[in-house]
C-alpha atoms as a PDB file:
ATOM      1  CA  MET A   1      20.013   0.858 -54.731  1.00  0.00           C
ATOM      2  CA  LYS A   2      22.685  -1.276 -56.388  1.00  0.00           C
ATOM      3  CA  GLY A   3      26.390  -0.933 -56.765  1.00  0.00           C
ATOM      4  CA  LYS A   4      29.721  -2.508 -56.683  1.00  0.00           C
ATOM      5  CA  VAL A   5      32.513  -2.471 -54.285  1.00  0.00           C
ATOM      6  CA  PRO A   6      36.142  -3.312 -55.359  1.00  0.00           C
ATOM      7  CA  PHE A   7      38.682  -5.167 -53.437  1.00  0.00           C
ATOM      8  CA  ARG A   8      42.098  -4.363 -54.406  1.00  0.00           C
ATOM      9  CA  ASP A   9      44.046  -5.073 -51.323  1.00  0.00           C
ATOM     10  CA  VAL A  10      43.536  -5.338 -47.662  1.00  0.00           C
ATOM     11  CA  ASP A  11      43.093  -1.689 -47.017  1.00  0.00           C
ATOM     12  CA  HIS A  12      40.314  -1.629 -49.732  1.00  0.00           C
ATOM     13  CA  TYR A  13      38.542  -4.249 -47.740  1.00  0.00           C
ATOM     14  CA  SER A  14      38.472  -2.594 -44.393  1.00  0.00           C
ATOM     15  CA  GLU A  15      37.659   0.863 -45.959  1.00  0.00           C
ATOM     16  CA  SER A  16      34.991  -0.316 -48.269  1.00  0.00           C
ATOM     17  CA  LEU A  17      33.077  -2.381 -45.947  1.00  0.00           C
ATOM     18  CA  ALA A  18      33.396   0.157 -42.932  1.00  0.00           C
ATOM     19  CA  PRO A  19      29.858   1.546 -43.087  1.00  0.00           C
ATOM     20  CA  VAL A  20      28.275  -1.860 -42.315  1.00  0.00           C
ATOM     21  CA  TRP A  21      31.064  -3.872 -40.441  1.00  0.00           C
ATOM     22  CA  ASP A  22      33.510  -3.076 -37.692  1.00  0.00           C
ATOM     23  CA  LEU A  23      36.318  -5.480 -38.808  1.00  0.00           C
ATOM     24  CA  GLU A  24      40.135  -5.787 -38.959  1.00  0.00           C
ATOM     25  CA  PHE A  25      41.675  -7.472 -41.997  1.00  0.00           C
ATOM     26  CA  ARG A  26      45.045  -9.095 -42.283  1.00  0.00           C
ATOM     27  CA  GLN A  27      46.061 -10.132 -45.753  1.00  0.00           C
ATOM     28  CA  LEU A  28      47.696 -13.801 -45.669  1.00  0.00           C
ATOM     29  CA  THR A  29      48.530 -14.595 -49.190  1.00  0.00           C
ATOM     30  CA  ALA A  30      48.991 -12.526 -52.484  1.00  0.00           C
ATOM     31  CA  SER A  31      45.883 -11.805 -54.382  1.00  0.00           C
ATOM     32  CA  GLN A  32      44.721 -14.103 -57.126  1.00  0.00           C
ATOM     33  CA  GLY A  33      42.938 -11.951 -59.607  1.00  0.00           C
ATOM     34  CA  PRO A  34      40.291  -9.256 -59.021  1.00  0.00           C
ATOM     35  CA  GLY A  35      37.930  -9.318 -56.083  1.00  0.00           C
ATOM     36  CA  GLY A  36      34.964  -7.250 -54.842  1.00  0.00           C
ATOM     37  CA  CYS A  37      31.243  -7.404 -54.347  1.00  0.00           C
ATOM     38  CA  SER A  38      27.888  -6.436 -55.821  1.00  0.00           C
ATOM     39  CA  PHE A  39      25.277  -5.198 -53.507  1.00  0.00           C
ATOM     40  CA  VAL A  40      21.795  -4.131 -53.277  1.00  0.00           C
ATOM     41  CA  THR A  41      20.028  -2.175 -50.395  1.00  0.00           C
ATOM     42  CA  ASP A  42      16.506  -0.817 -49.641  1.00  0.00           C
ATOM     43  CA  GLY A  43      18.141   1.816 -47.206  1.00  0.00           C
ATOM     44  CA  ARG A  44      17.561  -0.461 -44.350  1.00  0.00           C
ATOM     45  CA  ALA A  45      18.849  -3.991 -45.140  1.00  0.00           C
ATOM     46  CA  LEU A  46      21.821  -4.882 -47.396  1.00  0.00           C
ATOM     47  CA  ILE A  47      22.710  -7.872 -49.563  1.00  0.00           C
ATOM     48  CA  TYR A  48      25.829  -8.510 -51.155  1.00  0.00           C
ATOM     49  CA  GLN A  49      27.929 -11.268 -52.991  1.00  0.00           C
ATOM     50  CA  GLU A  50      31.593 -11.014 -52.378  1.00  0.00           C
ATOM     51  CA  ARG A  51      34.716 -12.808 -53.595  1.00  0.00           C
ATOM     52  CA  TYR A  52      38.064 -12.464 -51.711  1.00  0.00           C
ATOM     53  CA  PRO A  53      40.964 -12.489 -53.977  1.00  0.00           C
ATOM     54  CA  ALA A  54      43.476 -13.184 -51.152  1.00  0.00           C
ATOM     55  CA  ALA A  55      43.211 -15.324 -48.055  1.00  0.00           C
ATOM     56  CA  VAL A  56      42.509 -13.024 -45.211  1.00  0.00           C
ATOM     57  CA  SER A  57      42.207 -13.171 -41.511  1.00  0.00           C
ATOM     58  CA  ILE A  58      39.263 -11.226 -40.152  1.00  0.00           C
ATOM     59  CA  ASN A  59      38.547 -10.150 -36.622  1.00  0.00           C
ATOM     60  CA  GLY A  60      35.682  -7.735 -35.506  1.00  0.00           C
ATOM     61  CA  ALA A  61      31.863  -7.686 -35.303  1.00  0.00           C
ATOM     62  CA  VAL A  62      28.858  -6.518 -37.300  1.00  0.00           C
ATOM     63  CA  GLY A  63      28.279  -2.889 -37.099  1.00  0.00           C
ATOM     64  CA  SER A  64      26.179  -1.337 -34.329  1.00  0.00           C
ATOM     65  CA  GLU A  65      22.663  -2.793 -33.855  1.00  0.00           C
ATOM     66  CA  ARG A  66      22.866  -5.045 -36.844  1.00  0.00           C
ATOM     67  CA  ILE A  67      22.724  -8.897 -37.470  1.00  0.00           C
ATOM     68  CA  ALA A  68      24.288 -10.637 -40.490  1.00  0.00           C
ATOM     69  CA  PHE A  69      23.840 -14.012 -42.244  1.00  0.00           C
ATOM     70  CA  ALA A  70      26.423 -15.657 -44.439  1.00  0.00           C
ATOM     71  CA  LEU A  71      26.297 -18.555 -47.004  1.00  0.00           C
ATOM     72  CA  THR A  72      29.696 -19.670 -48.202  1.00  0.00           C
ATOM     73  CA  ASP A  73      30.697 -21.464 -51.386  1.00  0.00           C
ATOM     74  CA  THR A  74      31.960 -25.013 -51.810  1.00  0.00           C
ATOM     75  CA  GLN A  75      28.895 -26.494 -50.014  1.00  0.00           C
ATOM     76  CA  GLY A  76      29.520 -24.199 -47.074  1.00  0.00           C
ATOM     77  CA  GLN A  77      32.916 -25.247 -46.151  1.00  0.00           C
ATOM     78  CA  SER A  78      35.148 -22.403 -46.898  1.00  0.00           C
ATOM     79  CA  GLY A  79      37.263 -20.843 -44.162  1.00  0.00           C
ATOM     80  CA  ARG A  80      37.761 -21.256 -40.622  1.00  0.00           C
ATOM     81  CA  TRP A  81      34.859 -19.765 -38.610  1.00  0.00           C
ATOM     82  CA  GLU A  82      36.048 -19.350 -34.961  1.00  0.00           C
ATOM     83  CA  GLY A  83      38.267 -22.380 -35.310  1.00  0.00           C
ATOM     84  CA  ARG A  84      35.925 -24.785 -37.061  1.00  0.00           C
ATOM     85  CA  GLY A  85      34.854 -25.421 -40.422  1.00  0.00           C
ATOM     86  CA  HIS A  86      31.540 -24.147 -41.783  1.00  0.00           C
ATOM     87  CA  PRO A  87      29.108 -27.033 -41.594  1.00  0.00           C
ATOM     88  CA  PRO A  88      27.752 -27.664 -45.217  1.00  0.00           C
ATOM     89  CA  ASP A  89      24.086 -27.631 -43.762  1.00  0.00           C
ATOM     90  CA  SER A  90      24.291 -24.608 -41.971  1.00  0.00           C
ATOM     91  CA  ILE A  91      24.314 -20.834 -42.314  1.00  0.00           C
ATOM     92  CA  ALA A  92      26.645 -18.605 -40.382  1.00  0.00           C
ATOM     93  CA  TYR A  93      25.075 -15.566 -38.319  1.00  0.00           C
ATOM     94  CA  ALA A  94      26.187 -13.054 -35.820  1.00  0.00           C
ATOM     95  CA  ASP A  95      24.701  -9.849 -34.332  1.00  0.00           C
ATOM     96  CA  TYR A  96      26.605  -6.747 -33.113  1.00  0.00           C
ATOM     97  CA  ARG A  97      27.293  -8.576 -29.724  1.00  0.00           C
ATOM     98  CA  LYS A  98      29.454 -11.242 -31.194  1.00  0.00           C
ATOM     99  CA  SER A  99      33.135 -11.009 -31.817  1.00  0.00           C
ATOM    100  CA  LEU A 100      34.359 -12.918 -34.918  1.00  0.00           C
ATOM    101  CA  ASP A 101      37.513 -14.738 -35.673  1.00  0.00           C
ATOM    102  CA  VAL A 102      37.322 -15.866 -39.411  1.00  0.00           C
ATOM    103  CA  MET A 103      39.844 -17.014 -41.989  1.00  0.00           C
ATOM    104  CA  MET A 104      38.729 -16.963 -45.628  1.00  0.00           C
ATOM    105  CA  PRO A 105      40.899 -18.738 -48.124  1.00  0.00           C
ATOM    106  CA  ALA A 106      41.642 -16.930 -51.526  1.00  0.00           C
ATOM    107  CA  GLY A 107      38.824 -17.113 -54.149  1.00  0.00           C
ATOM    108  CA  THR A 108      36.151 -17.507 -51.310  1.00  0.00           C
ATOM    109  CA  ASN A 109      32.648 -16.515 -52.300  1.00  0.00           C
ATOM    110  CA  ASN A 110      30.039 -15.426 -49.943  1.00  0.00           C
ATOM    111  CA  LEU A 111      26.528 -14.526 -50.016  1.00  0.00           C
ATOM    112  CA  VAL A 112      25.650 -12.185 -47.172  1.00  0.00           C
ATOM    113  CA  ALA A 113      22.821 -10.396 -45.674  1.00  0.00           C
ATOM    114  CA  VAL A 114      23.114  -7.531 -43.028  1.00  0.00           C
ATOM    115  CA  LEU A 115      19.841  -6.294 -41.182  1.00  0.00           C
ATOM    116  CA  PRO A 116      18.990  -3.903 -38.556  1.00  0.00           C
ATOM    117  CA  VAL A 117      18.564  -5.992 -35.655  1.00  0.00           C
ATOM    118  CA  ARG A 118      15.572  -4.490 -34.170  1.00  0.00           C
ATOM    119  CA  GLU A 119      13.565  -4.664 -37.382  1.00  0.00           C
ATOM    120  CA  PHE A 120      14.795  -8.426 -37.857  1.00  0.00           C
ATOM    121  CA  ALA A 121      13.766  -9.109 -34.240  1.00  0.00           C
ATOM    122  CA  ASP A 122      10.224  -7.528 -34.784  1.00  0.00           C
ATOM    123  CA  LYS A 123       9.623  -9.488 -38.094  1.00  0.00           C
ATOM    124  CA  PHE A 124      11.109 -12.748 -36.788  1.00  0.00           C
ATOM    125  CA  ALA A 125       8.812 -12.740 -33.816  1.00  0.00           C
ATOM    126  CA  ARG A 126       5.659 -11.897 -35.779  1.00  0.00           C
ATOM    127  CA  LEU A 127       6.484 -14.409 -38.436  1.00  0.00           C
ATOM    128  CA  SER A 128       7.649 -17.254 -36.129  1.00  0.00           C
ATOM    129  CA  GLY A 129       5.947 -16.562 -32.859  1.00  0.00           C
ATOM    130  CA  ARG A 130       9.268 -16.702 -31.229  1.00  0.00           C
ATOM    131  CA  ASP A 131      11.740 -14.370 -29.601  1.00  0.00           C
ATOM    132  CA  TYR A 132      14.899 -13.961 -31.729  1.00  0.00           C
ATOM    133  CA  ASP A 133      17.176 -13.964 -29.061  1.00  0.00           C
ATOM    134  CA  SER A 134      16.277 -17.582 -27.860  1.00  0.00           C
ATOM    135  CA  ALA A 135      16.231 -18.800 -31.313  1.00  0.00           C
ATOM    136  CA  LEU A 136      19.581 -17.102 -32.542  1.00  0.00           C
ATOM    137  CA  SER A 137      21.562 -17.354 -29.329  1.00  0.00           C
ATOM    138  CA  PRO A 138      24.807 -15.134 -29.541  1.00  0.00           C
ATOM    139  CA  ASP A 139      26.746 -18.140 -28.058  1.00  0.00           C
ATOM    140  CA  ARG A 140      26.299 -20.033 -31.246  1.00  0.00           C
ATOM    141  CA  LEU A 141      27.524 -19.368 -34.846  1.00  0.00           C
ATOM    142  CA  PHE A 142      25.685 -21.667 -37.084  1.00  0.00           C
ATOM    143  CA  ALA A 143      21.881 -22.318 -37.468  1.00  0.00           C
ATOM    144  CA  ARG A 144      21.149 -25.839 -39.289  1.00  0.00           C
ATOM    145  CA  MET A 145      19.327 -25.634 -42.466  1.00  0.00           C
ATOM    146  CA  LYS A 146      16.502 -27.942 -43.579  1.00  0.00           C
ATOM    147  CA  ASP A 147      16.806 -30.181 -46.649  1.00  0.00           C
ATOM    148  CA  GLY A 148      16.767 -27.866 -49.625  1.00  0.00           C
ATOM    149  CA  GLY A 149      17.016 -24.873 -47.311  1.00  0.00           C
ATOM    150  CA  ARG A 150      20.403 -23.588 -48.517  1.00  0.00           C
ATOM    151  CA  GLU A 151      19.045 -23.310 -52.170  1.00  0.00           C
ATOM    152  CA  ARG A 152      15.870 -21.726 -50.926  1.00  0.00           C
ATOM    153  CA  ILE A 153      17.673 -19.094 -48.990  1.00  0.00           C
ATOM    154  CA  ALA A 154      20.143 -18.358 -51.682  1.00  0.00           C
ATOM    155  CA  THR A 155      17.397 -18.197 -54.387  1.00  0.00           C
ATOM    156  CA  CYS A 156      15.632 -15.419 -52.288  1.00  0.00           C
ATOM    157  CA  LEU A 157      18.903 -13.512 -51.709  1.00  0.00           C
ATOM    158  CA  GLN A 158      19.888 -13.524 -55.494  1.00  0.00           C
ATOM    159  CA  ARG A 159      16.339 -12.653 -56.545  1.00  0.00           C
ATOM    160  CA  LEU A 160      16.363  -9.557 -54.163  1.00  0.00           C
ATOM    161  CA  MET A 161      19.976  -8.614 -55.657  1.00  0.00           C
ATOM    162  CA  SER A 162      18.591  -8.991 -59.313  1.00  0.00           C
ATOM    163  CA  GLU A 163      15.114  -7.322 -59.026  1.00  0.00           C
ATOM    164  CA  PRO A 164      14.041  -3.616 -57.991  1.00  0.00           C
ATOM    165  CA  VAL A 165      13.672  -3.472 -54.199  1.00  0.00           C
ATOM    166  CA  ASP A 166      10.898  -1.459 -52.494  1.00  0.00           C
ATOM    167  CA  ALA A 167      12.033   0.392 -49.091  1.00  0.00           C
ATOM    168  CA  GLY A 168      11.605  -1.430 -46.000  1.00  0.00           C
ATOM    169  CA  THR A 169      10.745  -4.926 -47.769  1.00  0.00           C
ATOM    170  CA  VAL A 170      14.056  -6.732 -47.933  1.00  0.00           C
ATOM    171  CA  THR A 171      14.265  -7.767 -44.300  1.00  0.00           C
ATOM    172  CA  THR A 172      10.720  -9.312 -44.328  1.00  0.00           C
ATOM    173  CA  SER A 173      11.705 -11.376 -47.394  1.00  0.00           C
ATOM    174  CA  ILE A 174      14.971 -12.494 -45.763  1.00  0.00           C
ATOM    175  CA  VAL A 175      13.129 -13.422 -42.518  1.00  0.00           C
ATOM    176  CA  ALA A 176      10.676 -15.375 -44.410  1.00  0.00           C
ATOM    177  CA  SER A 177      13.217 -17.209 -46.352  1.00  0.00           C
ATOM    178  CA  LEU A 178      15.128 -18.051 -43.180  1.00  0.00           C
ATOM    179  CA  LEU A 179      12.114 -19.398 -41.270  1.00  0.00           C
ATOM    180  CA  ASP A 180      11.320 -21.537 -44.413  1.00  0.00           C
ATOM    181  CA  GLY A 181      14.907 -22.794 -44.701  1.00  0.00           C
ATOM    182  CA  CYS A 182      16.407 -23.393 -41.222  1.00  0.00           C
ATOM    183  CA  PHE A 183      15.753 -24.887 -37.784  1.00  0.00           C
ATOM    184  CA  PHE A 184      16.414 -22.396 -35.046  1.00  0.00           C
ATOM    185  CA  GLY A 185      17.572 -23.307 -31.585  1.00  0.00           C
ATOM    186  CA  THR A 186      16.439 -27.049 -31.905  1.00  0.00           C
ATOM    187  CA  ASP A 187      19.543 -29.256 -31.854  1.00  0.00           C
ATOM    188  CA  GLU A 188      22.553 -26.699 -32.221  1.00  0.00           C
ATOM    189  CA  GLN A 189      25.373 -27.512 -30.022  1.00  0.00           C
ATOM    190  CA  MET A 190      27.782 -25.191 -28.462  1.00  0.00           C
ATOM    191  CA  ASP A 191      31.104 -24.891 -30.097  1.00  0.00           C
ATOM    192  CA  ASP A 192      33.730 -26.973 -28.129  1.00  0.00           C
ATOM    193  CA  ARG A 193      36.693 -24.935 -29.529  1.00  0.00           C
ATOM    194  CA  ARG A 194      36.025 -21.920 -27.238  1.00  0.00           C
ATOM    195  CA  GLN A 195      39.247 -22.264 -25.507  1.00  0.00           C
ATOM    196  CA  SER A 196      41.255 -21.982 -28.611  1.00  0.00           C
ATOM    197  CA  ARG A 197      39.218 -19.175 -29.851  1.00  0.00           C
ATOM    198  CA  GLN A 198      39.660 -17.391 -26.619  1.00  0.00           C
ATOM    199  CA  LEU A 199      43.487 -17.847 -26.616  1.00  0.00           C
ATOM    200  CA  PHE A 200      43.799 -16.897 -30.437  1.00  0.00           C
ATOM    201  CA  ARG A 201      41.782 -13.631 -29.623  1.00  0.00           C
ATOM    202  CA  ARG A 202      44.004 -12.707 -26.634  1.00  0.00           C
ATOM    203  CA  ALA A 203      47.103 -13.378 -28.746  1.00  0.00           C
ATOM    204  CA  VAL A 204      45.806 -11.286 -31.460  1.00  0.00           C
ATOM    205  CA  GLU A 205      45.296  -8.430 -29.131  1.00  0.00           C
ATOM    206  CA  ILE A 206      48.782  -8.663 -27.675  1.00  0.00           C
ATOM    207  CA  CYS A 207      50.179  -8.709 -31.417  1.00  0.00           C
ATOM    208  CA  MET A 208      48.158  -5.587 -32.145  1.00  0.00           C
ATOM    209  CA  GLU A 209      49.055  -3.711 -29.185  1.00  0.00           C
ATOM    210  CA  ALA A 210      52.810  -4.542 -28.940  1.00  0.00           C
ATOM    211  CA  SER A 211      55.258  -1.632 -29.385  1.00  0.00           C
ATOM    212  CA  PRO A 212      57.693  -2.336 -30.742  1.00  0.00           C
ATOM    213  CA  PRO A 213      56.010  -5.275 -32.852  1.00  0.00           C
ATOM    214  CA  LEU A 214      56.553  -8.517 -31.772  1.00  0.00           C
ATOM    215  CA  THR A 215      58.808 -10.767 -33.983  1.00  0.00           C
ATOM    216  CA  SER A 216      58.598 -14.360 -32.164  1.00  0.00           C
ATOM    217  CA  PRO A 217      55.722 -16.564 -31.247  1.00  0.00           C
ATOM    218  CA  GLY A 218      57.698 -17.410 -28.154  1.00  0.00           C
ATOM    219  CA  GLU A 219      57.051 -13.821 -27.026  1.00  0.00           C
ATOM    220  CA  ILE A 220      53.326 -14.330 -27.352  1.00  0.00           C
ATOM    221  CA  ALA A 221      53.398 -17.581 -25.613  1.00  0.00           C
ATOM    222  CA  LEU A 222      55.375 -16.008 -22.637  1.00  0.00           C
ATOM    223  CA  ARG A 223      53.109 -13.014 -22.289  1.00  0.00           C
ATOM    224  CA  LEU A 224      50.081 -15.343 -22.271  1.00  0.00           C
ATOM    225  CA  ASP A 225      51.908 -17.870 -19.952  1.00  0.00           C
ATOM    226  CA  VAL A 226      50.931 -20.890 -22.290  1.00  0.00           C
ATOM    227  CA  SER A 227      52.816 -23.412 -24.292  1.00  0.00           C
ATOM    228  CA  LEU A 228      54.106 -22.869 -27.704  1.00  0.00           C
ATOM    229  CA  ARG A 229      52.096 -25.902 -28.694  1.00  0.00           C
ATOM    230  CA  SER A 230      48.872 -24.587 -27.457  1.00  0.00           C
ATOM    231  CA  LEU A 231      49.498 -21.357 -29.255  1.00  0.00           C
ATOM    232  CA  GLN A 232      50.285 -23.077 -32.476  1.00  0.00           C
ATOM    233  CA  LEU A 233      47.283 -25.190 -32.337  1.00  0.00           C
ATOM    234  CA  ALA A 234      45.032 -22.120 -31.722  1.00  0.00           C
ATOM    235  CA  PHE A 235      46.467 -20.187 -34.666  1.00  0.00           C
ATOM    236  CA  ARG A 236      46.142 -23.146 -37.077  1.00  0.00           C
ATOM    237  CA  ALA A 237      42.453 -23.557 -35.925  1.00  0.00           C
ATOM    238  CA  CYS A 238      41.427 -20.111 -36.126  1.00  0.00           C
ATOM    239  CA  ALA A 239      43.694 -18.484 -38.787  1.00  0.00           C
ATOM    240  CA  GLY A 240      44.947 -21.367 -40.796  1.00  0.00           C
ATOM    241  CA  VAL A 241      48.761 -20.277 -40.279  1.00  0.00           C
ATOM    242  CA  SER A 242      51.247 -20.756 -37.814  1.00  0.00           C
ATOM    243  CA  PRO A 243      51.860 -17.954 -35.237  1.00  0.00           C
ATOM    244  CA  GLY A 244      55.253 -17.058 -36.814  1.00  0.00           C
ATOM    245  CA  THR A 245      53.744 -16.729 -40.090  1.00  0.00           C
ATOM    246  CA  TYR A 246      50.805 -14.554 -38.879  1.00  0.00           C
ATOM    247  CA  LEU A 247      53.301 -12.342 -36.935  1.00  0.00           C
ATOM    248  CA  ARG A 248      55.350 -11.797 -40.132  1.00  0.00           C
ATOM    249  CA  ARG A 249      52.389 -11.031 -42.366  1.00  0.00           C
ATOM    250  CA  LEU A 250      50.917  -8.692 -39.649  1.00  0.00           C
ATOM    251  CA  ARG A 251      53.967  -6.555 -39.756  1.00  0.00           C
ATOM    252  CA  LEU A 252      53.935  -6.702 -43.721  1.00  0.00           C
ATOM    253  CA  ASN A 253      50.115  -5.341 -43.548  1.00  0.00           C
ATOM    254  CA  ARG A 254      51.393  -2.755 -41.133  1.00  0.00           C
ATOM    255  CA  ALA A 255      54.257  -1.862 -43.501  1.00  0.00           C
ATOM    256  CA  HIS A 256      51.887  -1.614 -46.367  1.00  0.00           C
ATOM    257  CA  ALA A 257      49.365   0.635 -44.669  1.00  0.00           C
ATOM    258  CA  MET A 258      52.338   2.854 -43.469  1.00  0.00           C
ATOM    259  CA  LEU A 259      53.882   3.436 -46.997  1.00  0.00           C
ATOM    260  CA  LEU A 260      50.286   3.909 -48.475  1.00  0.00           C
ATOM    261  CA  ARG A 261      49.754   6.850 -46.064  1.00  0.00           C
ATOM    262  CA  SER A 262      53.458   8.321 -46.416  1.00  0.00           C
ATOM    263  CA  ARG A 263      54.955  10.347 -49.238  1.00  0.00           C
ATOM    264  CA  ILE A 264      58.487  10.349 -50.505  1.00  0.00           C
ATOM    265  CA  GLY A 265      60.544  12.509 -48.484  1.00  0.00           C
ATOM    266  CA  GLU A 266      58.561  11.989 -45.395  1.00  0.00           C
ATOM    267  CA  THR A 267      60.068   8.426 -44.610  1.00  0.00           C
ATOM    268  CA  THR A 268      61.914   5.670 -46.557  1.00  0.00           C
ATOM    269  CA  VAL A 269      61.284   2.032 -47.228  1.00  0.00           C
ATOM    270  CA  GLY A 270      64.271   1.239 -45.010  1.00  0.00           C
ATOM    271  CA  ALA A 271      62.946   3.047 -42.021  1.00  0.00           C
ATOM    272  CA  VAL A 272      59.654   1.439 -42.278  1.00  0.00           C
ATOM    273  CA  GLY A 273      61.130  -1.953 -42.528  1.00  0.00           C
ATOM    274  CA  LEU A 274      63.238  -1.410 -39.467  1.00  0.00           C
ATOM    275  CA  ASP A 275      60.709   0.137 -37.361  1.00  0.00           C
ATOM    276  CA  LEU A 276      58.563  -3.063 -37.856  1.00  0.00           C
ATOM    277  CA  GLY A 277      61.430  -5.438 -37.015  1.00  0.00           C
ATOM    278  CA  PHE A 278      62.529  -6.510 -40.465  1.00  0.00           C
ATOM    279  CA  THR A 279      66.438  -6.339 -40.318  1.00  0.00           C
ATOM    280  CA  GLU A 280      66.998  -7.932 -43.785  1.00  0.00           C
ATOM    281  CA  LEU A 281      65.547  -5.380 -46.077  1.00  0.00           C
ATOM    282  CA  GLY A 282      66.095  -7.437 -48.979  1.00  0.00           C
ATOM    283  CA  ARG A 283      63.956 -10.174 -47.872  1.00  0.00           C
ATOM    284  CA  PHE A 284      61.377  -7.667 -46.646  1.00  0.00           C
ATOM    285  CA  ALA A 285      61.087  -6.274 -50.117  1.00  0.00           C
ATOM    286  CA  GLY A 286      60.891  -9.681 -51.507  1.00  0.00           C
ATOM    287  CA  GLU A 287      58.106 -10.827 -49.236  1.00  0.00           C
ATOM    288  CA  TYR A 288      56.264  -7.541 -49.505  1.00  0.00           C
ATOM    289  CA  ARG A 289      56.267  -7.968 -53.223  1.00  0.00           C
ATOM    290  CA  GLU A 290      55.015 -11.527 -52.955  1.00  0.00           C
ATOM    291  CA  LEU A 291      52.011 -10.420 -50.745  1.00  0.00           C
ATOM    292  CA  PHE A 292      51.089  -7.172 -52.407  1.00  0.00           C
ATOM    293  CA  ALA A 293      52.186  -7.667 -56.066  1.00  0.00           C
ATOM    294  CA  GLU A 294      54.589  -4.688 -55.718  1.00  0.00           C
ATOM    295  CA  LEU A 295      57.760  -3.518 -54.271  1.00  0.00           C
ATOM    296  CA  PRO A 296      57.439  -1.168 -51.148  1.00  0.00           C
ATOM    297  CA  SER A 297      59.071   1.573 -52.956  1.00  0.00           C
ATOM    298  CA  GLU A 298      56.484   1.368 -55.614  1.00  0.00           C
ATOM    299  CA  THR A 299      53.783   1.678 -52.766  1.00  0.00           C
ATOM    300  CA  LEU A 300      55.562   4.527 -51.402  1.00  0.00           C
ATOM    301  CA  ALA A 301      55.825   6.443 -54.744  1.00  0.00           C
ATOM    302  CA  LYS A 302      51.934   6.257 -55.223  1.00  0.00           C
ATOM    303  CA  PRO A 303      49.935   9.378 -55.021  1.00  0.00           C
ATOM    304  CA  PRO A 304      47.523   9.829 -52.031  1.00  0.00           C
ATOM    305  CA  ARG A 305      45.052   6.963 -51.752  1.00  0.00           C
ATOM    306  CA  VAL A 306      41.495   7.433 -52.747  1.00  0.00           C
ATOM    307  CA  VAL A 307      39.158   4.688 -51.753  1.00  0.00           C
ATOM    308  CA  ARG A 308      36.576   4.310 -54.623  1.00  0.00           C
ATOM    309  CA  GLY A 309      33.701   2.040 -53.908  1.00  0.00           C
ATOM    310  CA  ARG A 310      32.061   1.680 -50.421  1.00  0.00           C
ATOM    311  CA  PHE A 311      29.032   0.358 -48.948  1.00  0.00           C
ATOM    312  CA  PRO A 312      26.372   3.009 -48.370  1.00  0.00           C
ATOM    313  CA  ASP A 313      26.155   4.520 -44.966  1.00  0.00           C
ATOM    314  CA  PHE A 314      22.986   3.315 -42.903  1.00  0.00           C
ATOM    315  CA  PRO A 315      20.718   5.098 -40.605  1.00  0.00           C
END
């Protein structure tokens, strides 16, 4: 089965990818042209090539009982993956047990494979003679590729996307290409930025749970009992923006979601803005338009939202 999924705005990302990923998206910049992805699936494994039209901050995990691998563009250096760049000679991976903090710049292209973890583990053990949990530790994020490994893996994934696939065959092909192209568990070093990742994750949890919404980075630092400098460094490393910018854009994303789900007569732009801590409504409207390419009043006037284009559900 083949298909396409459009990425129009941050809500579209989340809803379109929901059958496969358990992710929260925050749009950090205005969209730069169309985005989306093409995919192919044999009913068990999924391969897709995606393009993000806006810079986004992503937090969450792969869906239940799945494992995912991702090759990024620009020699693998796009974005910030848990506070670090993507090493150009490595492939990123995570299973359902690992929480992710990723920032993708606008225009990022990724080639991604999502596999059922039990089937992957079985094929990996049979083809390599090793237990996948020891080779692909959940404490690591990248597996180093051999010389030419990136090209071999990308060629395999792109071939599977372009040719008809038989049910249950995709996982075997992907595992074989990974074993051909990667070193597993040989000289991978633990990420030394764990403290920043943990601080960023705790800060995001506080931001998401706070009611009324937080409006100052100082409020976050006080609640976490850390210095403002430590907080700023953590956000720069993990999200590529300052905590103040992140907070403001988080509130703009919340306003976008509220207006999409409301009708004229049920609320007003002013009420939504004030509820979210925007006291200067003119500035709120301007920043909203810069991020989402329309005024908040235009979002509110739209008919009920219907998401067209989603990944297929998996067993």
